[in-house]
Amino acid sequence: MNRYLSRGIKATAALASGLLSMVLFAPTAFATGTQTAGGGSAATPSSGTAAPVVHYVVTGGMAGWAIALIAIGAALLTAILCATAFSVRPRPLLVA
């Protein structure tokens, strides 16, 4: 097989594995949970009154787009490092 074709296949495999990891773990990164004031489900209580609305105040943390950007950058860096590692061949030792 041609050496350049082999490198292309390895680079494509590395990029595909990075993309696969983004597809598999992105839903986990963007998951949000719903929570009610009483700690139970979001159903209306049996008394007929509506559950009180609770607003949470978040004063810190990172924005979702920043987390996604870091994850994409990490996946691309991993793919590049894998492609580089596959293309490096060990040189034979010269015995004098």
PDB file of N, CA and C in Angstrom:
ATOM      1  N   MET A   1       0.848  -1.168   0.000  1.00  0.00           N
ATOM      2  CA  MET A   1       0.000   0.000   0.000  1.00  0.00           C
ATOM      3  C   MET A   1       0.897   1.234   0.000  1.00  0.00           C
ATOM      4  N   ASN A   2       0.459   2.233  -0.681  1.00  0.00           N
ATOM      5  CA  ASN A   2       1.216   3.464  -0.761  1.00  0.00           C
ATOM      6  C   ASN A   2       1.353   4.100   0.622  1.00  0.00           C
ATOM      7  N   ARG A   3       2.534   4.653   0.928  1.00  0.00           N
ATOM      8  CA  ARG A   3       2.786   5.223   2.245  1.00  0.00           C
ATOM      9  C   ARG A   3       1.887   6.422   2.518  1.00  0.00           C
ATOM     10  N   TYR A   4       1.667   7.259   1.523  1.00  0.00           N
ATOM     11  CA  TYR A   4       0.828   8.437   1.718  1.00  0.00           C
ATOM     12  C   TYR A   4      -0.640   8.061   1.881  1.00  0.00           C
ATOM     13  N   LEU A   5      -1.063   7.025   1.173  1.00  0.00           N
ATOM     14  CA  LEU A   5      -2.433   6.545   1.323  1.00  0.00           C
ATOM     15  C   LEU A   5      -2.638   5.988   2.729  1.00  0.00           C
ATOM     16  N   SER A   6      -1.640   5.280   3.235  1.00  0.00           N
ATOM     17  CA  SER A   6      -1.717   4.738   4.585  1.00  0.00           C
ATOM     18  C   SER A   6      -1.814   5.862   5.617  1.00  0.00           C
ATOM     19  N   ARG A   7      -1.036   6.930   5.432  1.00  0.00           N
ATOM     20  CA  ARG A   7      -1.119   8.067   6.350  1.00  0.00           C
ATOM     21  C   ARG A   7      -2.490   8.719   6.281  1.00  0.00           C
ATOM     22  N   GLY A   8      -3.027   8.808   5.084  1.00  0.00           N
ATOM     23  CA  GLY A   8      -4.355   9.402   4.928  1.00  0.00           C
ATOM     24  C   GLY A   8      -5.427   8.588   5.630  1.00  0.00           C
ATOM     25  N   ILE A   9      -5.310   7.281   5.540  1.00  0.00           N
ATOM     26  CA  ILE A   9      -6.277   6.402   6.210  1.00  0.00           C
ATOM     27  C   ILE A   9      -6.152   6.545   7.721  1.00  0.00           C
ATOM     28  N   LYS A  10      -4.927   6.622   8.219  1.00  0.00           N
ATOM     29  CA  LYS A  10      -4.731   6.776   9.660  1.00  0.00           C
ATOM     30  C   LYS A  10      -5.239   8.125  10.151  1.00  0.00           C
ATOM     31  N   ALA A  11      -4.993   9.174   9.377  1.00  0.00           N
ATOM     32  CA  ALA A  11      -5.484  10.495   9.768  1.00  0.00           C
ATOM     33  C   ALA A  11      -7.008  10.538   9.748  1.00  0.00           C
ATOM     34  N   THR A  12      -7.601   9.905   8.752  1.00  0.00           N
ATOM     35  CA  THR A  12      -9.060   9.852   8.680  1.00  0.00           C
ATOM     36  C   THR A  12      -9.625   9.060   9.856  1.00  0.00           C
ATOM     37  N   ALA A  13      -8.970   7.967  10.213  1.00  0.00           N
ATOM     38  CA  ALA A  13      -9.429   7.178  11.361  1.00  0.00           C
ATOM     39  C   ALA A  13      -9.311   7.977  12.652  1.00  0.00           C
ATOM     40  N   ALA A  14      -8.240   8.744  12.798  1.00  0.00           N
ATOM     41  CA  ALA A  14      -8.075   9.557  14.001  1.00  0.00           C
ATOM     42  C   ALA A  14      -9.141  10.642  14.078  1.00  0.00           C
ATOM     43  N   LEU A  15      -9.409  11.301  12.966  1.00  0.00           N
ATOM     44  CA  LEU A  15     -10.450  12.329  12.947  1.00  0.00           C
ATOM     45  C   LEU A  15     -11.828  11.719  13.188  1.00  0.00           C
ATOM     46  N   ALA A  16     -12.067  10.544  12.624  1.00  0.00           N
ATOM     47  CA  ALA A  16     -13.354   9.887  12.831  1.00  0.00           C
ATOM     48  C   ALA A  16     -13.537   9.479  14.292  1.00  0.00           C
ATOM     49  N   SER A  17     -12.463   9.035  14.935  1.00  0.00           N
ATOM     50  CA  SER A  17     -12.595   8.671  16.348  1.00  0.00           C
ATOM     51  C   SER A  17     -12.841   9.900  17.211  1.00  0.00           C
ATOM     52  N   GLY A  18     -12.225  11.009  16.884  1.00  0.00           N
ATOM     53  CA  GLY A  18     -12.499  12.248  17.602  1.00  0.00           C
ATOM     54  C   GLY A  18     -13.935  12.707  17.414  1.00  0.00           C
ATOM     55  N   LEU A  19     -14.431  12.620  16.189  1.00  0.00           N
ATOM     56  CA  LEU A  19     -15.816  12.990  15.906  1.00  0.00           C
ATOM     57  C   LEU A  19     -16.782  12.047  16.616  1.00  0.00           C
ATOM     58  N   LEU A  20     -16.456  10.767  16.639  1.00  0.00           N
ATOM     59  CA  LEU A  20     -17.308   9.794  17.328  1.00  0.00           C
ATOM     60  C   LEU A  20     -17.379  10.091  18.822  1.00  0.00           C
ATOM     61  N   SER A  21     -16.238  10.462  19.408  1.00  0.00           N
ATOM     62  CA  SER A  21     -16.260  10.784  20.840  1.00  0.00           C
ATOM     63  C   SER A  21     -17.089  12.030  21.105  1.00  0.00           C
ATOM     64  N   MET A  22     -17.041  13.016  20.203  1.00  0.00           N
ATOM     65  CA  MET A  22     -17.884  14.205  20.383  1.00  0.00           C
ATOM     66  C   MET A  22     -19.360  13.850  20.285  1.00  0.00           C
ATOM     67  N   VAL A  23     -19.706  12.983  19.336  1.00  0.00           N
ATOM     68  CA  VAL A  23     -21.112  12.603  19.161  1.00  0.00           C
ATOM     69  C   VAL A  23     -21.611  11.803  20.361  1.00  0.00           C
ATOM     70  N   LEU A  24     -20.766  10.942  20.907  1.00  0.00           N
ATOM     71  CA  LEU A  24     -21.187  10.106  22.025  1.00  0.00           C
ATOM     72  C   LEU A  24     -21.315  10.881  23.330  1.00  0.00           C
ATOM     73  N   PHE A  25     -20.407  11.833  23.567  1.00  0.00           N
ATOM     74  CA  PHE A  25     -20.383  12.495  24.863  1.00  0.00           C
ATOM     75  C   PHE A  25     -21.009  13.874  24.870  1.00  0.00           C
ATOM     76  N   ALA A  26     -21.367  14.431  23.728  1.00  0.00           N
ATOM     77  CA  ALA A  26     -22.011  15.745  23.698  1.00  0.00           C
ATOM     78  C   ALA A  26     -23.374  15.730  24.390  1.00  0.00           C
ATOM     79  N   PRO A  27     -24.220  14.706  24.212  1.00  0.00           N
ATOM     80  CA  PRO A  27     -25.489  14.729  24.935  1.00  0.00           C
ATOM     81  C   PRO A  27     -25.307  14.755  26.454  1.00  0.00           C
ATOM     82  N   THR A  28     -24.278  14.112  26.943  1.00  0.00           N
ATOM     83  CA  THR A  28     -24.013  14.129  28.380  1.00  0.00           C
ATOM     84  C   THR A  28     -23.569  15.514  28.827  1.00  0.00           C
ATOM     85  N   ALA A  29     -22.778  16.177  28.012  1.00  0.00           N
ATOM     86  CA  ALA A  29     -22.283  17.500  28.381  1.00  0.00           C
ATOM     87  C   ALA A  29     -23.394  18.535  28.406  1.00  0.00           C
ATOM     88  N   PHE A  30     -24.391  18.383  27.541  1.00  0.00           N
ATOM     89  CA  PHE A  30     -25.461  19.366  27.461  1.00  0.00           C
ATOM     90  C   PHE A  30     -26.715  18.948  28.216  1.00  0.00           C
ATOM     91  N   ALA A  31     -26.643  17.891  28.999  1.00  0.00           N
ATOM     92  CA  ALA A  31     -27.819  17.418  29.724  1.00  0.00           C
ATOM     93  C   ALA A  31     -28.178  18.398  30.836  1.00  0.00           C
ATOM     94  N   THR A  32     -29.469  18.613  30.999  1.00  0.00           N
ATOM     95  CA  THR A  32     -29.952  19.457  32.091  1.00  0.00           C
ATOM     96  C   THR A  32     -31.031  18.699  32.831  1.00  0.00           C
ATOM     97  N   GLY A  33     -31.116  18.936  34.102  1.00  0.00           N
ATOM     98  CA  GLY A  33     -32.137  18.287  34.909  1.00  0.00           C
ATOM     99  C   GLY A  33     -33.217  19.280  35.291  1.00  0.00           C
ATOM    100  N   THR A  34     -34.429  18.800  35.452  1.00  0.00           N
ATOM    101  CA  THR A  34     -35.500  19.656  35.919  1.00  0.00           C
ATOM    102  C   THR A  34     -35.741  19.357  37.386  1.00  0.00           C
ATOM    103  N   GLN A  35     -36.052  20.401  38.127  1.00  0.00           N
ATOM    104  CA  GLN A  35     -36.239  20.245  39.552  1.00  0.00           C
ATOM    105  C   GLN A  35     -37.414  21.121  39.984  1.00  0.00           C
ATOM    106  N   THR A  36     -38.224  20.595  40.882  1.00  0.00           N
ATOM    107  CA  THR A  36     -39.348  21.361  41.393  1.00  0.00           C
ATOM    108  C   THR A  36     -39.059  21.800  42.819  1.00  0.00           C
ATOM    109  N   ALA A  37     -39.911  22.675  43.338  1.00  0.00           N
ATOM    110  CA  ALA A  37     -39.673  23.235  44.667  1.00  0.00           C
ATOM    111  C   ALA A  37     -39.755  22.165  45.758  1.00  0.00           C
ATOM    112  N   GLY A  38     -40.687  21.221  45.647  1.00  0.00           N
ATOM    113  CA  GLY A  38     -40.856  20.208  46.675  1.00  0.00           C
ATOM    114  C   GLY A  38     -39.913  19.041  46.544  1.00  0.00           C
ATOM    115  N   GLY A  39     -39.149  19.000  45.499  1.00  0.00           N
ATOM    116  CA  GLY A  39     -38.229  17.895  45.299  1.00  0.00           C
ATOM    117  C   GLY A  39     -38.880  16.702  44.626  1.00  0.00           C
ATOM    118  N   GLY A  40     -40.173  16.786  44.351  1.00  0.00           N
ATOM    119  CA  GLY A  40     -40.873  15.678  43.707  1.00  0.00           C
ATOM    120  C   GLY A  40     -40.926  15.875  42.206  1.00  0.00           C
ATOM    121  N   SER A  41     -41.960  15.340  41.605  1.00  0.00           N
ATOM    122  CA  SER A  41     -42.104  15.466  40.162  1.00  0.00           C
ATOM    123  C   SER A  41     -42.750  16.804  39.840  1.00  0.00           C
ATOM    124  N   ALA A  42     -42.851  17.101  38.559  1.00  0.00           N
ATOM    125  CA  ALA A  42     -43.407  18.376  38.121  1.00  0.00           C
ATOM    126  C   ALA A  42     -44.933  18.341  38.074  1.00  0.00           C
ATOM    127  N   ALA A  43     -45.568  17.281  38.535  1.00  0.00           N
ATOM    128  CA  ALA A  43     -47.026  17.177  38.488  1.00  0.00           C
ATOM    129  C   ALA A  43     -47.664  18.133  39.501  1.00  0.00           C
ATOM    130  N   THR A  44     -48.864  18.567  39.200  1.00  0.00           N
ATOM    131  CA  THR A  44     -49.589  19.464  40.097  1.00  0.00           C
ATOM    132  C   THR A  44     -50.053  18.681  41.325  1.00  0.00           C
ATOM    133  N   PRO A  45     -49.926  19.247  42.515  1.00  0.00           N
ATOM    134  CA  PRO A  45     -50.377  18.537  43.717  1.00  0.00           C
ATOM    135  C   PRO A  45     -51.871  18.225  43.650  1.00  0.00           C
ATOM    136  N   SER A  46     -52.288  17.261  44.445  1.00  0.00           N
ATOM    137  CA  SER A  46     -53.682  16.809  44.392  1.00  0.00           C
ATOM    138  C   SER A  46     -54.663  17.854  44.924  1.00  0.00           C
ATOM    139  N   SER A  47     -54.199  18.872  45.647  1.00  0.00           N
ATOM    140  CA  SER A  47     -55.109  19.874  46.203  1.00  0.00           C
ATOM    141  C   SER A  47     -55.602  20.838  45.135  1.00  0.00           C
ATOM    142  N   GLY A  48     -55.030  20.820  43.956  1.00  0.00           N
ATOM    143  CA  GLY A  48     -55.494  21.683  42.889  1.00  0.00           C
ATOM    144  C   GLY A  48     -54.717  22.978  42.784  1.00  0.00           C
ATOM    145  N   THR A  49     -53.859  23.266  43.729  1.00  0.00           N
ATOM    146  CA  THR A  49     -53.059  24.489  43.649  1.00  0.00           C
ATOM    147  C   THR A  49     -51.799  24.222  42.837  1.00  0.00           C
ATOM    148  N   ALA A  50     -51.300  25.231  42.193  1.00  0.00           N
ATOM    149  CA  ALA A  50     -50.100  25.083  41.380  1.00  0.00           C
ATOM    150  C   ALA A  50     -48.867  25.123  42.281  1.00  0.00           C
ATOM    151  N   ALA A  51     -47.871  24.412  41.896  1.00  0.00           N
ATOM    152  CA  ALA A  51     -46.621  24.408  42.656  1.00  0.00           C
ATOM    153  C   ALA A  51     -45.938  25.761  42.499  1.00  0.00           C
ATOM    154  N   PRO A  52     -45.302  26.262  43.540  1.00  0.00           N
ATOM    155  CA  PRO A  52     -44.622  27.558  43.430  1.00  0.00           C
ATOM    156  C   PRO A  52     -43.442  27.478  42.469  1.00  0.00           C
ATOM    157  N   VAL A  53     -43.186  28.589  41.818  1.00  0.00           N
ATOM    158  CA  VAL A  53     -42.084  28.654  40.866  1.00  0.00           C
ATOM    159  C   VAL A  53     -40.839  29.097  41.615  1.00  0.00           C
ATOM    160  N   VAL A  54     -39.775  28.374  41.450  1.00  0.00           N
ATOM    161  CA  VAL A  54     -38.517  28.691  42.107  1.00  0.00           C
ATOM    162  C   VAL A  54     -37.506  29.069  41.037  1.00  0.00           C
ATOM    163  N   HIS A  55     -36.885  30.218  41.205  1.00  0.00           N
ATOM    164  CA  HIS A  55     -35.860  30.678  40.273  1.00  0.00           C
ATOM    165  C   HIS A  55     -34.498  30.513  40.934  1.00  0.00           C
ATOM    166  N   TYR A  56     -33.615  29.795  40.269  1.00  0.00           N
ATOM    167  CA  TYR A  56     -32.281  29.581  40.805  1.00  0.00           C
ATOM    168  C   TYR A  56     -31.358  30.672  40.276  1.00  0.00           C
ATOM    169  N   VAL A  57     -30.500  31.175  41.111  1.00  0.00           N
ATOM    170  CA  VAL A  57     -29.545  32.198  40.720  1.00  0.00           C
ATOM    171  C   VAL A  57     -28.175  31.548  40.636  1.00  0.00           C
ATOM    172  N   VAL A  58     -27.580  31.651  39.473  1.00  0.00           N
ATOM    173  CA  VAL A  58     -26.250  31.095  39.268  1.00  0.00           C
ATOM    174  C   VAL A  58     -25.299  32.264  39.086  1.00  0.00           C
ATOM    175  N   THR A  59     -24.282  32.339  39.913  1.00  0.00           N
ATOM    176  CA  THR A  59     -23.375  33.478  39.857  1.00  0.00           C
ATOM    177  C   THR A  59     -21.988  33.111  39.358  1.00  0.00           C
ATOM    178  N   GLY A  60     -21.793  31.922  38.930  1.00  0.00           N
ATOM    179  CA  GLY A  60     -20.458  31.539  38.476  1.00  0.00           C
ATOM    180  C   GLY A  60     -20.549  30.414  37.475  1.00  0.00           C
ATOM    181  N   GLY A  61     -19.430  29.854  37.154  1.00  0.00           N
ATOM    182  CA  GLY A  61     -19.388  28.729  36.229  1.00  0.00           C
ATOM    183  C   GLY A  61     -19.046  29.186  34.821  1.00  0.00           C
ATOM    184  N   MET A  62     -19.086  28.240  33.914  1.00  0.00           N
ATOM    185  CA  MET A  62     -18.748  28.528  32.528  1.00  0.00           C
ATOM    186  C   MET A  62     -19.991  28.450  31.663  1.00  0.00           C
ATOM    187  N   ALA A  63     -19.974  29.226  30.613  1.00  0.00           N
ATOM    188  CA  ALA A  63     -21.074  29.190  29.651  1.00  0.00           C
ATOM    189  C   ALA A  63     -21.027  27.879  28.865  1.00  0.00           C
ATOM    190  N   GLY A  64     -22.175  27.444  28.396  1.00  0.00           N
ATOM    191  CA  GLY A  64     -22.243  26.181  27.661  1.00  0.00           C
ATOM    192  C   GLY A  64     -21.415  26.188  26.394  1.00  0.00           C
ATOM    193  N   TRP A  65     -21.387  27.336  25.698  1.00  0.00           N
ATOM    194  CA  TRP A  65     -20.613  27.401  24.462  1.00  0.00           C
ATOM    195  C   TRP A  65     -19.126  27.251  24.743  1.00  0.00           C
ATOM    196  N   ALA A  66     -18.657  27.735  25.893  1.00  0.00           N
ATOM    197  CA  ALA A  66     -17.244  27.613  26.230  1.00  0.00           C
ATOM    198  C   ALA A  66     -16.879  26.160  26.516  1.00  0.00           C
ATOM    199  N   ILE A  67     -17.759  25.458  27.187  1.00  0.00           N
ATOM    200  CA  ILE A  67     -17.518  24.042  27.477  1.00  0.00           C
ATOM    201  C   ILE A  67     -17.502  23.239  26.187  1.00  0.00           C
ATOM    202  N   ALA A  68     -18.435  23.543  25.284  1.00  0.00           N
ATOM    203  CA  ALA A  68     -18.476  22.841  23.994  1.00  0.00           C
ATOM    204  C   ALA A  68     -17.224  23.138  23.180  1.00  0.00           C
ATOM    205  N   LEU A  69     -16.758  24.381  23.206  1.00  0.00           N
ATOM    206  CA  LEU A  69     -15.555  24.751  22.464  1.00  0.00           C
ATOM    207  C   LEU A  69     -14.328  24.023  23.007  1.00  0.00           C
ATOM    208  N   ILE A  70     -14.233  23.897  24.311  1.00  0.00           N
ATOM    209  CA  ILE A  70     -13.114  23.166  24.922  1.00  0.00           C
ATOM    210  C   ILE A  70     -13.171  21.689  24.537  1.00  0.00           C
ATOM    211  N   ALA A  71     -14.364  21.097  24.537  1.00  0.00           N
ATOM    212  CA  ALA A  71     -14.502  19.683  24.174  1.00  0.00           C
ATOM    213  C   ALA A  71     -14.124  19.448  22.716  1.00  0.00           C
ATOM    214  N   ILE A  72     -14.543  20.333  21.828  1.00  0.00           N
ATOM    215  CA  ILE A  72     -14.200  20.196  20.402  1.00  0.00           C
ATOM    216  C   ILE A  72     -12.698  20.359  20.209  1.00  0.00           C
ATOM    217  N   GLY A  73     -12.108  21.345  20.893  1.00  0.00           N
ATOM    218  CA  GLY A  73     -10.663  21.539  20.786  1.00  0.00           C
ATOM    219  C   GLY A  73      -9.879  20.346  21.304  1.00  0.00           C
ATOM    220  N   ALA A  74     -10.339  19.767  22.400  1.00  0.00           N
ATOM    221  CA  ALA A  74      -9.659  18.592  22.952  1.00  0.00           C
ATOM    222  C   ALA A  74      -9.761  17.401  21.996  1.00  0.00           C
ATOM    223  N   ALA A  75     -10.914  17.236  21.379  1.00  0.00           N
ATOM    224  CA  ALA A  75     -11.073  16.122  20.431  1.00  0.00           C
ATOM    225  C   ALA A  75     -10.187  16.319  19.206  1.00  0.00           C
ATOM    226  N   LEU A  76     -10.109  17.549  18.703  1.00  0.00           N
ATOM    227  CA  LEU A  76      -9.256  17.805  17.543  1.00  0.00           C
ATOM    228  C   LEU A  76      -7.775  17.631  17.892  1.00  0.00           C
ATOM    229  N   LEU A  77      -7.378  18.088  19.070  1.00  0.00           N
ATOM    230  CA  LEU A  77      -5.996  17.915  19.498  1.00  0.00           C
ATOM    231  C   LEU A  77      -5.647  16.438  19.639  1.00  0.00           C
ATOM    232  N   THR A  78      -6.566  15.655  20.178  1.00  0.00           N
ATOM    233  CA  THR A  78      -6.357  14.214  20.305  1.00  0.00           C
ATOM    234  C   THR A  78      -6.212  13.562  18.940  1.00  0.00           C
ATOM    235  N   ALA A  79      -7.045  13.973  17.992  1.00  0.00           N
ATOM    236  CA  ALA A  79      -6.963  13.405  16.645  1.00  0.00           C
ATOM    237  C   ALA A  79      -5.634  13.752  15.983  1.00  0.00           C
ATOM    238  N   ILE A  80      -5.177  14.978  16.157  1.00  0.00           N
ATOM    239  CA  ILE A  80      -3.904  15.385  15.556  1.00  0.00           C
ATOM    240  C   ILE A  80      -2.747  14.624  16.190  1.00  0.00           C
ATOM    241  N   LEU A  81      -2.774  14.485  17.522  1.00  0.00           N
ATOM    242  CA  LEU A  81      -1.703  13.748  18.191  1.00  0.00           C
ATOM    243  C   LEU A  81      -1.696  12.272  17.796  1.00  0.00           C
ATOM    244  N   CYS A  82      -2.868  11.683  17.627  1.00  0.00           N
ATOM    245  CA  CYS A  82      -2.935  10.282  17.190  1.00  0.00           C
ATOM    246  C   CYS A  82      -2.390  10.128  15.780  1.00  0.00           C
ATOM    247  N   ALA A  83      -2.748  11.047  14.903  1.00  0.00           N
ATOM    248  CA  ALA A  83      -2.248  10.972  13.524  1.00  0.00           C
ATOM    249  C   ALA A  83      -0.740  11.148  13.495  1.00  0.00           C
ATOM    250  N   THR A  84      -0.228  12.038  14.330  1.00  0.00           N
ATOM    251  CA  THR A  84       1.219  12.247  14.383  1.00  0.00           C
ATOM    252  C   THR A  84       1.921  11.019  14.953  1.00  0.00           C
ATOM    253  N   ALA A  85       1.347  10.437  15.996  1.00  0.00           N
ATOM    254  CA  ALA A  85       1.968   9.271  16.611  1.00  0.00           C
ATOM    255  C   ALA A  85       1.990   8.079  15.661  1.00  0.00           C
ATOM    256  N   PHE A  86       0.962   7.928  14.850  1.00  0.00           N
ATOM    257  CA  PHE A  86       0.931   6.812  13.902  1.00  0.00           C
ATOM    258  C   PHE A  86       1.910   7.025  12.758  1.00  0.00           C
ATOM    259  N   SER A  87       2.197   8.268  12.429  1.00  0.00           N
ATOM    260  CA  SER A  87       3.065   8.514  11.283  1.00  0.00           C
ATOM    261  C   SER A  87       4.550   8.440  11.648  1.00  0.00           C
ATOM    262  N   VAL A  88       4.887   8.509  12.918  1.00  0.00           N
ATOM    263  CA  VAL A  88       6.288   8.444  13.339  1.00  0.00           C
ATOM    264  C   VAL A  88       6.716   6.987  13.387  1.00  0.00           C
ATOM    265  N   ARG A  89       7.789   6.709  12.687  1.00  0.00           N
ATOM    266  CA  ARG A  89       8.310   5.341  12.679  1.00  0.00           C
ATOM    267  C   ARG A  89       9.603   5.300  13.474  1.00  0.00           C
ATOM    268  N   PRO A  90       9.796   4.296  14.291  1.00  0.00           N
ATOM    269  CA  PRO A  90      11.068   4.201  15.023  1.00  0.00           C
ATOM    270  C   PRO A  90      12.221   3.898  14.059  1.00  0.00           C
ATOM    271  N   ARG A  91      13.339   4.515  14.300  1.00  0.00           N
ATOM    272  CA  ARG A  91      14.508   4.276  13.450  1.00  0.00           C
ATOM    273  C   ARG A  91      15.308   3.089  13.998  1.00  0.00           C
ATOM    274  N   PRO A  92      15.891   2.297  13.106  1.00  0.00           N
ATOM    275  CA  PRO A  92      16.686   1.150  13.590  1.00  0.00           C
ATOM    276  C   PRO A  92      17.970   1.634  14.283  1.00  0.00           C
ATOM    277  N   LEU A  93      18.351   0.899  15.296  1.00  0.00           N
ATOM    278  CA  LEU A  93      19.574   1.232  16.036  1.00  0.00           C
ATOM    279  C   LEU A  93      20.792   0.784  15.231  1.00  0.00           C
ATOM    280  N   LEU A  94      21.782   1.658  15.195  1.00  0.00           N
ATOM    281  CA  LEU A  94      23.020   1.313  14.507  1.00  0.00           C
ATOM    282  C   LEU A  94      23.994   0.757  15.538  1.00  0.00           C
ATOM    283  N   VAL A  95      24.433  -0.432  15.320  1.00  0.00           N
ATOM    284  CA  VAL A  95      25.376  -1.069  16.227  1.00  0.00           C
ATOM    285  C   VAL A  95      26.757  -0.953  15.606  1.00  0.00           C
ATOM    286  N   ALA A  96      27.661  -0.296  16.331  1.00  0.00           N
ATOM    287  CA  ALA A  96      29.005  -0.094  15.783  1.00  0.00           C
ATOM    288  C   ALA A  96      29.950  -1.161  16.263  1.00  0.00           C
TER     289      ALA A  96
END
